[in-house]
Amino acid sequence: MSLDYKKTNIKLAKTLRKNSTPQEKRLWYDFLRKYDVRFQRQKAIDNYIADFYSHKAKLIIEIDGSQHYTEEGKNGDEFRTERLEEYGLKIIRFTNYQIDTNFYGVCKYIDKIVKEEL
């Protein structure tokens, strides 16, 4: 299944790649970039931009900062997750704190989920 995307999000995705958070950079450079299953950074899907996306595993990985913990942020994430799941995608989320304090555990969990999805 081909994923729809909003063309105007391509430029924004490129900007986000250039301005990644420290946690996104760590996950990319220290794990996902050389992972056996290909991931893309800041992938435009539908009206959204996923932090990390694997077509083969049909998996989106989101790294959540503080804005995701407001009522508005939680509601937006819930709606976004429901919409992206309509494409048959699985979405997993980690906090910046989890990346900072349990990086090995995060990587191990991602590996487990990828293997389950394949």
Protein backbone atom coordinates (compact mmCIF):
# COMPACT_ATOMS: atom_id res chain seq x y z
CA MET A 1 0.00 0.00 0.00
CA SER A 2 1.33 3.39 -0.97
CA LEU A 3 1.36 6.06 1.71
CA ASP A 4 -0.27 9.38 0.95
CA TYR A 5 1.53 12.53 1.98
CA LYS A 6 1.04 16.25 1.85
CA LYS A 7 3.61 17.71 -0.57
CA THR A 8 4.12 20.80 1.58
CA ASN A 9 5.37 18.54 4.39
CA ILE A 10 8.43 17.47 2.38
CA LYS A 11 10.20 20.79 2.96
CA LEU A 12 9.25 20.74 6.64
CA ALA A 13 10.54 17.15 6.97
CA LYS A 14 13.92 18.21 5.53
CA THR A 15 14.07 21.09 8.00
CA LEU A 16 13.23 18.75 10.89
CA ARG A 17 15.99 16.35 9.80
CA LYS A 18 18.50 19.22 9.92
CA ASN A 19 17.22 20.34 13.33
CA SER A 20 16.73 17.02 15.11
CA THR A 21 16.53 16.92 18.89
CA PRO A 22 19.49 15.41 20.76
CA GLN A 23 17.37 12.33 21.49
CA GLU A 24 16.41 11.88 17.83
CA LYS A 25 20.06 12.26 16.81
CA ARG A 26 21.16 9.69 19.36
CA LEU A 27 18.57 7.13 18.29
CA TRP A 28 19.44 7.68 14.61
CA TYR A 29 23.23 7.80 14.78
CA ASP A 30 23.73 5.26 17.55
CA PHE A 31 21.14 2.69 16.47
CA LEU A 32 18.67 3.09 13.59
CA ARG A 33 21.05 4.37 10.90
CA LYS A 34 22.89 1.02 10.75
CA TYR A 35 20.02 -1.21 11.87
CA ASP A 36 19.41 -4.30 9.71
CA VAL A 37 15.93 -3.10 8.71
CA ARG A 38 15.90 0.25 6.92
CA PHE A 39 14.42 3.27 8.69
CA GLN A 40 13.85 6.76 7.35
CA ARG A 41 13.99 9.96 9.41
CA GLN A 42 11.23 12.56 9.37
CA LYS A 43 9.02 10.72 6.88
CA ALA A 44 5.98 12.57 5.52
CA ILE A 45 2.91 10.35 5.84
CA ASP A 46 -0.61 11.68 5.29
CA ASN A 47 -0.76 15.09 7.01
CA TYR A 48 1.98 14.16 9.47
CA ILE A 49 5.72 13.71 9.74
CA ALA A 50 6.86 10.58 11.54
CA ASP A 51 10.13 10.82 13.46
CA PHE A 52 11.28 7.40 12.17
CA TYR A 53 9.58 5.05 9.72
CA SER A 54 10.29 1.55 8.46
CA HIS A 55 8.34 0.52 5.38
CA LYS A 56 9.36 -3.12 5.72
CA ALA A 57 8.25 -3.38 9.37
CA LYS A 58 5.29 -1.00 8.87
CA LEU A 59 6.50 0.75 12.00
CA ILE A 60 6.65 4.37 13.15
CA ILE A 61 8.81 5.40 16.09
CA GLU A 62 7.98 8.69 17.78
CA ILE A 63 10.19 10.49 20.30
CA ASP A 64 8.01 12.71 22.48
CA GLY A 65 9.12 15.93 24.10
CA SER A 66 7.21 17.94 26.70
CA GLN A 67 4.65 19.35 24.23
CA HIS A 68 3.15 15.86 23.96
CA TYR A 69 2.12 15.87 27.62
CA THR A 70 -0.33 18.77 27.49
CA GLU A 71 -4.01 17.96 27.07
CA GLU A 72 -3.88 19.31 23.52
CA GLY A 73 -0.74 17.30 22.76
CA LYS A 74 -2.22 14.07 24.09
CA ASN A 75 -5.42 14.55 22.07
CA GLY A 76 -3.44 15.35 18.93
CA ASP A 77 -1.24 12.28 19.37
CA GLU A 78 -4.27 10.06 19.89
CA PHE A 79 -5.95 11.34 16.71
CA ARG A 80 -2.70 11.08 14.75
CA THR A 81 -2.11 7.50 15.94
CA GLU A 82 -5.63 6.45 14.92
CA ARG A 83 -5.19 8.02 11.47
CA LEU A 84 -1.79 6.41 10.86
CA GLU A 85 -3.04 3.02 12.06
CA GLU A 86 -5.57 3.17 9.21
CA TYR A 87 -2.57 2.59 6.90
CA GLY A 88 -1.81 -0.63 8.79
CA LEU A 89 1.10 0.98 10.64
CA LYS A 90 2.15 0.34 14.21
CA ILE A 91 3.23 3.36 16.24
CA ILE A 92 5.50 3.15 19.25
CA ARG A 93 6.42 6.12 21.41
CA PHE A 94 9.30 6.94 23.68
CA THR A 95 9.94 9.96 25.81
CA ASN A 96 13.09 12.05 25.64
CA TYR A 97 13.70 10.89 29.19
CA GLN A 98 13.62 7.22 28.15
CA ILE A 99 16.17 7.88 25.42
CA ASP A 100 18.39 9.75 27.88
CA THR A 101 18.18 7.26 30.76
CA ASN A 102 17.49 3.84 29.21
CA PHE A 103 18.89 3.96 25.69
CA TYR A 104 19.85 0.28 25.64
CA GLY A 105 16.35 -0.72 26.78
CA VAL A 106 14.74 1.46 24.10
CA CYS A 107 16.90 -0.12 21.38
CA LYS A 108 16.18 -3.61 22.66
CA TYR A 109 12.43 -2.90 22.63
CA ILE A 110 12.56 -1.48 19.08
CA ASP A 111 14.42 -4.60 17.93
CA LYS A 112 11.79 -6.82 19.57
CA ILE A 113 8.89 -4.95 17.92
CA VAL A 114 10.56 -4.94 14.47
CA LYS A 115 11.09 -8.70 14.68
CA GLU A 116 7.46 -9.24 15.73
CA GLU A 117 6.21 -7.08 12.84
CA LEU A 118 8.28 -8.97 10.28
